[in-house]
Protein backbone atom coordinates (compact mmCIF):
# COMPACT_ATOMS: atom_id res chain seq x y z
CA UNK A 1 154.98 83.31 121.66
CA UNK A 2 151.27 82.74 122.34
CA UNK A 3 148.02 84.28 120.48
CA UNK A 4 146.27 83.86 124.16
CA UNK A 5 149.35 86.30 125.76
CA UNK A 6 148.66 88.81 123.12
CA UNK A 7 144.63 88.86 123.20
CA UNK A 8 145.01 88.93 127.06
CA UNK A 9 147.62 91.93 126.72
CA UNK A 10 145.76 94.09 124.48
CA UNK A 11 142.58 93.16 126.96
CA UNK A 12 144.71 94.73 129.86
CA UNK A 13 144.72 97.65 127.76
CA UNK A 14 148.71 96.86 127.23
CA UNK A 15 150.68 98.25 123.76
CA UNK A 16 151.50 95.49 121.75
CA UNK A 17 155.07 94.95 120.12
CA UNK A 18 156.15 94.91 116.68
CA UNK A 19 157.15 91.60 117.13
CA UNK A 20 153.57 90.52 118.58
CA UNK A 21 151.73 92.39 115.69
CA UNK A 22 153.95 90.40 113.08
CA UNK A 23 152.87 87.12 114.93
CA UNK A 24 149.28 88.19 114.83
CA UNK A 25 149.25 88.83 111.00
CA UNK A 26 151.50 86.07 109.92
CA UNK A 27 149.48 83.50 111.97
CA UNK A 28 145.91 84.69 110.65
CA UNK A 29 147.29 84.80 107.02
CA UNK A 30 148.73 81.14 107.28
CA UNK A 31 145.75 80.05 108.85
CA UNK A 32 147.20 78.91 112.37
CA UNK A 33 145.55 81.22 114.10
CA UNK A 34 141.63 80.60 114.61
CA UNK A 35 139.16 82.95 113.78
CA UNK A 36 137.45 82.79 117.32
CA UNK A 37 141.46 84.29 118.64
CA UNK A 38 141.35 86.84 115.68
CA UNK A 39 137.80 88.24 116.62
CA UNK A 40 138.95 88.24 120.62
CA UNK A 41 141.85 90.30 119.63
CA UNK A 42 139.95 92.36 117.15
CA UNK A 43 137.19 93.32 120.26
CA UNK A 44 140.35 93.94 122.32
CA UNK A 45 141.59 96.57 120.00
CA UNK A 46 138.14 97.96 119.41
CA UNK A 47 137.70 98.50 123.06
CA UNK A 48 141.20 99.73 124.33
CA UNK A 49 142.49 101.16 121.11
CA UNK A 50 145.63 101.04 119.50
CA UNK A 51 148.71 103.84 119.60
CA UNK A 52 150.26 105.22 116.39
CA UNK A 53 153.03 102.85 116.46
CA UNK A 54 150.73 99.86 116.97
CA UNK A 55 148.56 100.78 114.03
CA UNK A 56 151.71 101.50 112.14
CA UNK A 57 152.84 97.75 113.08
CA UNK A 58 149.68 96.49 112.17
CA UNK A 59 149.52 98.22 108.87
CA UNK A 60 153.14 97.52 107.72
CA UNK A 61 152.56 93.92 108.49
CA UNK A 62 149.30 93.57 106.73
CA UNK A 63 151.43 95.23 103.85
CA UNK A 64 154.10 92.45 103.86
CA UNK A 65 151.44 89.50 104.28
CA UNK A 66 150.70 89.56 100.27
CA UNK A 67 152.22 90.80 97.11
CA UNK A 68 153.80 93.99 96.87
CA UNK A 69 153.88 95.75 93.35
CA UNK A 70 157.29 96.36 91.35
CA UNK A 71 157.14 99.31 89.45
CA UNK A 72 161.02 99.03 88.18
CA UNK A 73 160.75 100.61 84.78
CA UNK A 74 158.29 103.00 85.24
CA UNK A 75 159.95 106.75 85.12
CA UNK A 76 159.15 109.59 87.15
CA UNK A 77 157.65 109.84 90.56
CA UNK A 78 154.75 107.44 91.26
CA UNK A 79 151.51 108.74 92.36
CA UNK A 80 148.43 107.31 93.93
CA UNK A 81 144.90 108.64 95.08
CA UNK A 82 142.43 107.11 96.88
CA UNK A 83 139.23 107.66 98.01
CA UNK A 84 137.34 106.75 101.23
CA UNK A 85 134.14 106.22 99.16
CA UNK A 86 131.18 108.34 98.52
CA UNK A 87 127.81 108.89 95.93
CA UNK A 88 128.74 109.80 92.35
CA UNK A 89 132.27 109.72 93.44
CA UNK A 90 133.96 109.78 89.79
CA UNK A 91 137.14 111.93 90.15
CA UNK A 92 139.82 109.13 89.62
CA UNK A 93 138.53 109.64 86.03
CA UNK A 94 139.11 113.72 86.26
CA UNK A 95 142.15 113.68 88.17
CA UNK A 96 144.21 110.75 86.70
CA UNK A 97 144.32 112.71 83.39
CA UNK A 98 144.97 116.23 84.57
CA UNK A 99 148.08 114.61 86.59
CA UNK A 100 149.25 112.80 83.70
CA UNK A 101 148.65 115.58 81.19
CA UNK A 102 150.84 118.24 83.37
CA UNK A 103 153.91 115.22 83.44
CA UNK A 104 153.33 113.12 86.51
CA UNK A 105 152.65 109.23 86.43
CA UNK A 106 149.53 107.75 88.25
CA UNK A 107 149.54 103.96 89.05
CA UNK A 108 146.38 103.16 90.64
CA UNK A 109 145.00 99.69 91.34
CA UNK A 110 140.91 100.21 92.25
CA UNK A 111 138.22 98.07 93.68
CA UNK A 112 134.75 96.96 92.67
CA UNK A 113 131.82 98.79 94.51
CA UNK A 114 130.26 97.57 97.67
CA UNK A 115 126.77 98.93 98.96
CA UNK A 116 126.42 102.34 98.25
CA UNK A 117 129.89 103.35 97.57
CA UNK A 118 130.90 103.14 93.83
CA UNK A 119 133.96 101.36 92.56
CA UNK A 120 136.37 102.95 89.70
CA UNK A 121 136.82 99.49 88.34
CA UNK A 122 132.65 99.13 87.56
CA UNK A 123 132.83 102.52 86.05
CA UNK A 124 135.71 101.78 83.55
CA UNK A 125 133.99 98.48 82.98
CA UNK A 126 130.90 100.35 81.92
CA UNK A 127 133.11 101.61 79.09
CA UNK A 128 132.72 99.08 75.82
CA UNK A 129 136.21 96.73 75.55
CA UNK A 130 137.76 98.38 78.60
CA UNK A 131 139.78 96.13 80.41
CA UNK A 132 140.71 96.26 84.03
CA UNK A 133 142.21 93.11 84.40
CA UNK A 134 145.58 93.63 82.32
CA UNK A 135 149.42 92.35 83.38
CA UNK A 136 151.72 94.37 85.20
CA UNK A 137 153.81 94.77 81.93
CA UNK A 138 150.98 96.05 80.43
CA UNK A 139 150.14 98.35 83.33
CA UNK A 140 153.61 99.82 83.25
CA UNK A 141 153.51 100.12 79.68
CA UNK A 142 150.37 101.97 79.67
CA UNK A 143 151.55 104.50 82.43
CA UNK A 144 154.80 105.07 80.64
CA UNK A 145 153.01 105.89 77.80
CA UNK A 146 150.22 107.88 78.77
CA UNK A 147 151.27 108.71 82.13
CA UNK A 148 148.20 106.97 84.15
CA UNK A 149 146.92 103.20 84.27
CA UNK A 150 144.14 101.74 86.39
CA UNK A 151 143.68 98.30 87.48
CA UNK A 152 141.87 96.01 89.44
CA UNK A 153 143.50 94.92 92.89
CA UNK A 154 145.42 91.73 92.59
CA UNK A 155 143.95 88.68 94.35
CA UNK A 156 146.80 88.50 96.85
CA UNK A 157 147.43 92.02 97.75
CA UNK A 158 147.41 92.60 101.28
CA UNK A 159 145.57 89.11 101.78
CA UNK A 160 145.82 89.92 105.97
CA UNK A 161 143.07 92.76 105.30
CA UNK A 162 140.64 90.42 103.56
CA UNK A 163 140.34 88.10 106.48
CA UNK A 164 140.47 90.66 109.04
CA UNK A 165 137.79 92.89 107.33
CA UNK A 166 135.30 89.93 106.84
CA UNK A 167 135.66 89.58 110.40
CA UNK A 168 135.07 92.62 111.50
CA UNK A 169 132.07 93.32 109.22
CA UNK A 170 130.68 90.21 111.66
CA UNK A 171 131.82 91.22 114.99
CA UNK A 172 130.92 94.92 115.14
CA UNK A 173 134.62 95.93 115.07
CA UNK A 174 134.63 98.02 112.00
CA UNK A 175 134.37 101.31 113.38
CA UNK A 176 137.68 101.50 114.54
CA UNK A 177 140.16 104.27 113.53
CA UNK A 178 142.88 102.25 113.71
CA UNK A 179 141.45 99.18 111.94
CA UNK A 180 140.02 101.51 109.23
CA UNK A 181 143.68 103.21 108.63
CA UNK A 182 145.56 100.43 108.45
CA UNK A 183 143.43 98.49 106.63
CA UNK A 184 143.16 101.77 103.38
CA UNK A 185 146.86 102.46 104.06
CA UNK A 186 148.06 98.97 104.19
CA UNK A 187 147.18 98.30 100.73
CA UNK A 188 148.62 102.04 99.89
CA UNK A 189 152.21 100.52 101.33
CA UNK A 190 151.88 97.35 99.28
CA UNK A 191 150.92 99.26 96.47
CA UNK A 192 154.15 100.95 96.84
CA UNK A 193 153.93 104.51 95.16
CA UNK A 194 156.20 107.29 95.87
CA UNK A 195 153.54 109.40 97.03
CA UNK A 196 149.69 109.66 97.62
CA UNK A 197 146.81 111.85 98.11
CA UNK A 198 143.70 110.71 100.09
CA UNK A 199 140.34 111.95 99.63
CA UNK A 200 138.79 111.27 102.87
CA UNK A 201 134.81 112.01 102.69
CA UNK A 202 132.84 113.46 105.28
CA UNK A 203 128.94 114.10 105.64
CA UNK A 204 125.75 111.84 105.14
CA UNK A 205 127.13 109.45 102.38
CA UNK A 206 130.60 109.09 104.33
CA UNK A 207 131.84 106.99 106.86
CA UNK A 208 133.29 109.80 108.64
CA UNK A 209 130.03 111.61 109.40
CA UNK A 210 131.66 114.53 110.93
CA UNK A 211 134.39 117.13 110.56
CA UNK A 212 136.43 115.84 113.64
CA UNK A 213 136.40 112.45 112.99
CA UNK A 214 137.39 113.12 109.25
CA UNK A 215 140.09 115.13 110.46
CA UNK A 216 141.32 112.37 112.79
CA UNK A 217 141.28 109.75 110.26
CA UNK A 218 143.08 111.98 107.84
CA UNK A 219 146.15 112.65 110.11
CA UNK A 220 146.47 109.11 111.32
CA UNK A 221 146.69 107.87 107.60
CA UNK A 222 148.99 110.94 106.57
CA UNK A 223 151.29 109.65 109.38
CA UNK A 224 150.85 106.03 108.27
CA UNK A 225 151.68 106.81 104.99
CA UNK A 226 155.02 109.01 105.54
CA UNK A 227 156.10 106.54 108.23
CA UNK A 228 155.87 103.91 105.50
CA UNK A 229 158.16 106.33 103.01
CA UNK A 230 155.37 107.26 101.00
CA UNK A 231 154.81 111.22 100.74
CA UNK A 232 150.98 111.33 102.01
CA UNK A 233 148.63 114.08 102.08
CA UNK A 234 144.85 114.34 102.72
CA UNK A 235 142.05 116.53 101.56
CA UNK A 236 138.85 116.44 103.40
CA UNK A 237 135.82 116.52 101.13
CA UNK A 238 132.28 116.98 101.57
CA UNK A 239 129.69 113.67 100.95
CA UNK A 240 126.67 115.52 101.96
CA UNK A 241 124.71 115.36 98.74
CA UNK A 242 126.15 113.36 95.68
CA UNK A 243 129.31 114.52 93.93
CA UNK A 244 128.42 116.13 90.57
CA UNK A 245 125.19 115.79 88.99
CA UNK A 246 125.39 112.05 88.14
CA UNK A 247 125.00 108.83 90.17
CA UNK A 248 125.42 105.48 88.42
CA UNK A 249 128.82 104.04 86.38
CA UNK A 250 128.05 105.31 82.63
CA UNK A 251 125.92 108.16 83.56
CA UNK A 252 129.30 108.88 85.78
CA UNK A 253 132.11 108.42 83.16
CA UNK A 254 129.72 110.61 80.64
CA UNK A 255 130.27 113.48 83.70
CA UNK A 256 133.53 112.94 83.83
CA UNK A 257 134.41 113.37 80.42
CA UNK A 258 132.03 116.15 80.23
CA UNK A 259 134.34 117.66 83.23
CA UNK A 260 137.71 117.25 81.25
CA UNK A 261 135.81 118.80 77.96
CA UNK A 262 135.47 122.17 80.85
CA UNK A 263 131.73 121.85 80.88
CA UNK A 264 131.27 121.51 83.98
CA UNK A 265 131.62 123.62 87.02
CA UNK A 266 130.84 123.13 90.79
CA UNK A 267 131.71 120.61 93.33
CA UNK A 268 132.79 118.10 90.99
CA UNK A 269 135.26 120.41 89.30
CA UNK A 270 136.47 121.88 92.54
CA UNK A 271 137.01 118.09 94.00
CA UNK A 272 139.00 117.54 91.04
CA UNK A 273 141.10 120.43 90.53
CA UNK A 274 141.94 120.33 94.57
CA UNK A 275 142.75 116.53 94.11
CA UNK A 276 144.61 116.92 91.18
CA UNK A 277 146.76 120.17 92.35
CA UNK A 278 147.88 118.02 95.39
CA UNK A 279 149.60 115.21 93.40
CA UNK A 280 150.99 117.48 90.80
CA UNK A 281 152.58 119.54 94.15
CA UNK A 282 153.95 116.52 95.46
CA UNK A 283 155.12 115.41 92.32
CA UNK A 284 157.41 117.98 92.25
CA UNK A 285 155.70 119.19 88.86
CA UNK A 286 155.33 122.76 90.37
CA UNK A 287 156.78 124.61 93.34
CA UNK A 288 153.74 125.28 94.92
CA UNK A 289 150.57 124.55 95.52
CA UNK A 290 148.95 128.10 93.80
CA UNK A 291 150.87 126.79 90.83
CA UNK A 292 149.96 123.22 91.03
CA UNK A 293 146.10 124.39 91.09
CA UNK A 294 146.85 126.77 87.70
CA UNK A 295 148.24 123.90 86.12
CA UNK A 296 145.40 121.37 87.01
CA UNK A 297 142.85 124.06 85.36
CA UNK A 298 144.94 124.35 82.32
CA UNK A 299 145.54 120.99 81.49
CA UNK A 300 141.08 120.65 81.72
CA UNK A 301 141.11 124.04 79.81
CA UNK A 302 143.40 123.40 77.09
CA UNK A 303 141.68 120.04 76.50
CA UNK A 304 145.13 117.87 77.23
CA UNK A 305 143.48 116.13 80.11
CA UNK A 306 140.89 114.85 77.96
CA UNK A 307 143.29 113.56 74.97
CA UNK A 308 145.16 111.65 77.72
CA UNK A 309 141.97 109.83 78.95
CA UNK A 310 140.91 108.86 75.59
CA UNK A 311 144.72 107.38 75.13
CA UNK A 312 144.16 105.66 78.53
CA UNK A 313 140.63 104.08 77.42
CA UNK A 314 142.24 102.74 73.84
CA UNK A 315 145.33 101.23 75.63
CA UNK A 316 143.53 99.34 77.85
CA UNK A 317 140.87 97.89 75.02
CA UNK A 318 137.90 100.68 75.51
CA UNK A 319 136.78 102.09 72.69
CA UNK A 320 137.73 105.82 72.44
CA UNK A 321 134.53 106.96 70.26
CA UNK A 322 132.79 107.16 73.58
CA UNK A 323 134.56 110.47 74.34
CA UNK A 324 132.50 111.87 71.58
CA UNK A 325 129.71 109.53 71.24
CA UNK A 326 127.87 108.76 74.44
CA UNK A 327 125.32 106.64 72.95
CA UNK A 328 127.94 103.82 72.51
CA UNK A 329 127.34 103.20 76.61
CA UNK A 330 124.34 101.10 77.56
CA UNK A 331 121.25 103.06 78.22
CA UNK A 332 118.24 102.56 80.49
CA UNK A 333 114.81 101.67 79.12
CA UNK A 334 113.28 104.07 81.18
CA UNK A 335 113.56 107.71 82.44
CA UNK A 336 111.29 108.86 85.33
CA UNK A 337 111.49 112.46 87.29
CA UNK A 338 110.88 113.18 90.50
CA UNK A 339 109.25 116.20 91.22
CA UNK A 340 109.22 118.60 94.03
CA UNK A 341 106.31 118.53 95.99
CA UNK A 342 106.80 122.24 97.87
CA UNK A 343 108.41 125.50 97.35
CA UNK A 344 111.76 126.35 98.62
CA UNK A 345 115.51 125.76 98.95
CA UNK A 346 117.03 122.23 98.87
CA UNK A 347 118.49 121.97 102.45
CA UNK A 348 118.92 118.83 103.19
CA UNK A 349 120.34 115.13 101.50
CA UNK A 350 120.84 112.27 103.20
CA UNK A 351 123.34 111.30 100.88
CA UNK A 352 123.78 107.55 102.08
CA UNK A 353 119.94 106.74 101.21
CA UNK A 354 120.45 108.29 97.59
CA UNK A 355 123.01 106.00 97.03
CA UNK A 356 121.00 102.90 98.36
CA UNK A 357 118.33 104.11 95.94
CA UNK A 358 121.05 103.51 93.12
CA UNK A 359 121.57 100.17 94.70
CA UNK A 360 118.00 99.43 94.50
CA UNK A 361 118.22 99.84 90.46
CA UNK A 362 121.00 97.84 90.16
CA UNK A 363 124.00 100.17 90.07
CA UNK A 364 125.43 99.05 93.23
CA UNK A 365 126.46 95.49 94.93
CA UNK A 366 124.62 94.26 98.14
CA UNK A 367 126.86 91.28 98.02
CA UNK A 368 130.52 91.03 96.39
CA UNK A 369 129.04 88.43 93.50
CA UNK A 370 125.91 90.31 92.60
CA UNK A 371 126.09 91.69 89.12
CA UNK A 372 126.56 95.45 88.38
CA UNK A 373 123.83 97.14 85.43
CA UNK A 374 125.90 99.83 83.90
CA UNK A 375 123.03 101.86 82.70
CA UNK A 376 120.79 102.73 85.30
CA UNK A 377 121.40 105.88 87.82
CA UNK A 378 120.31 109.53 88.82
CA UNK A 379 120.83 112.53 87.34
CA UNK A 380 120.10 115.70 89.89
CA UNK A 381 118.91 118.36 88.10
CA UNK A 382 119.09 120.23 91.62
CA UNK A 383 121.41 120.50 94.34
CA UNK A 384 121.87 121.91 97.72
CA UNK A 385 120.99 125.27 98.32
CA UNK A 386 119.23 125.34 94.93
CA UNK A 387 115.82 127.13 94.95
CA UNK A 388 112.64 124.99 93.69
CA UNK A 389 109.32 125.79 92.95
CA UNK A 390 106.33 122.97 93.23
CA UNK A 391 106.64 120.40 90.53
CA UNK A 392 110.19 121.57 89.57
CA UNK A 393 112.51 118.17 88.45
CA UNK A 394 114.39 117.66 91.47
CA UNK A 395 116.07 114.11 90.16
CA UNK A 396 115.56 111.98 87.10
CA UNK A 397 115.64 107.98 87.73
CA UNK A 398 116.92 105.83 84.72
CA UNK A 399 116.22 102.37 85.25
CA UNK A 400 115.07 99.05 83.63
CA UNK A 401 112.14 97.59 86.07
CA UNK A 402 109.74 99.96 86.99
CA UNK A 403 109.39 98.65 90.40
CA UNK A 404 112.46 99.15 90.99
CA UNK A 405 112.07 102.76 89.59
CA UNK A 406 109.14 103.23 92.13
CA UNK A 407 111.12 102.04 95.14
CA UNK A 408 114.13 104.27 94.35
CA UNK A 409 111.75 107.44 93.75
CA UNK A 410 110.34 106.97 97.24
CA UNK A 411 113.45 106.44 99.07
CA UNK A 412 114.92 109.71 97.34
CA UNK A 413 112.22 111.63 97.62
CA UNK A 414 112.07 110.87 101.40
CA UNK A 415 116.05 111.58 101.46
CA UNK A 416 115.09 115.65 100.20
CA UNK A 417 114.67 118.15 102.78
CA UNK A 418 113.20 121.76 101.95
CA UNK A 419 113.31 124.55 104.10
CA UNK A 420 112.71 128.53 103.41
CA UNK A 421 116.37 129.26 103.95
CA UNK A 422 119.34 128.00 102.43
CA UNK A 423 122.45 126.61 104.16
CA UNK A 424 125.29 129.08 104.18
CA UNK A 425 127.70 126.49 105.77
CA UNK A 426 128.00 124.21 102.40
CA UNK A 427 131.40 123.38 101.18
CA UNK A 428 132.98 121.10 98.62
CA UNK A 429 136.69 121.34 99.86
CA UNK A 430 137.36 121.47 103.68
CA UNK A 431 140.96 121.30 104.12
CA UNK A 432 144.08 119.75 103.43
CA UNK A 433 145.81 117.68 105.89
CA UNK A 434 149.54 116.93 105.61
């Protein structure tokens, strides 16, 4: 078998076999196939697309290119939750404790944020003393004792994806549904849980800008997961505005805690309940989705989910006092407000630009090696369809550098549109795909 022939076949719109895809993935992982040939095949795939079978073979081969998790010793149906990324997306911090409190087992490996998409690991690392680099035995022990654990990704988890992603980024081949889906789902197959709920974001702050693309990606990922033996469901949620009111690592953890205390309503609670109820349902804890929603709500309102979160934080070395004492978090030196320059309804938010404003403050990374400032961020006092008068406070900007705050304020102000009429079509959760 030759790489030349595989490239030629896909260039001419042929369908690659499982053996050919396995040869390709094995070759790039062990360094036998040069980058120029890998790039050529990526472009051929980008232009001529892949069938569902090809995409599954690619996903499976990537999942088997490195370590696979072994959850021997963890009792019960093990679930994972994955978000395609957004701004202010702190749902894992709420969803996992809800599911664990309901009797489920949540086993999650998460990455660090890059660009304006925040990472769960960065949020958790803003908690004083918290460790995400625990051993597999500590991970299993935490799941068995409190029902959940979140750790950083293993360095040898799906190494083929790291190689392909780096090349896709510099060869203009990122935006291909098969390559996107296989990148996400290969890591999920390698994680080896029993079930997964995918949170597929759609809107101005998401990779998928419209609902049709979000549906296509959701359907393909659900099919890949099920073909790989993982019970998979996707929930399409909105990212046309930041989720909740807080953007920034410490600020988002605090808002998540407030949600677990029952003090947060609106889009954040709606998304968290929707996602956690799907995990409860596929775990077999309830017989139907309606009961699963009621169970999720009960775990918040009873305080049981908050108790689980506190236990989880403590077990992974964090200071459990943060649940009641937010002064233990790092706090930004300055807080400046963005005022409305006119009267009307907030009709639009360019959420991607808002996320980039958070990066300017230091709350996100442009490059993987960049440091994160856990204390900085944004607090939204007004959201889509809220009515504002002139000089009303729309957003509070928290930062440690006046010049960065100024630049962030300018970007945010230009990202918000005010109109005479509200948008009647706003949804927080669109639909479930299974």
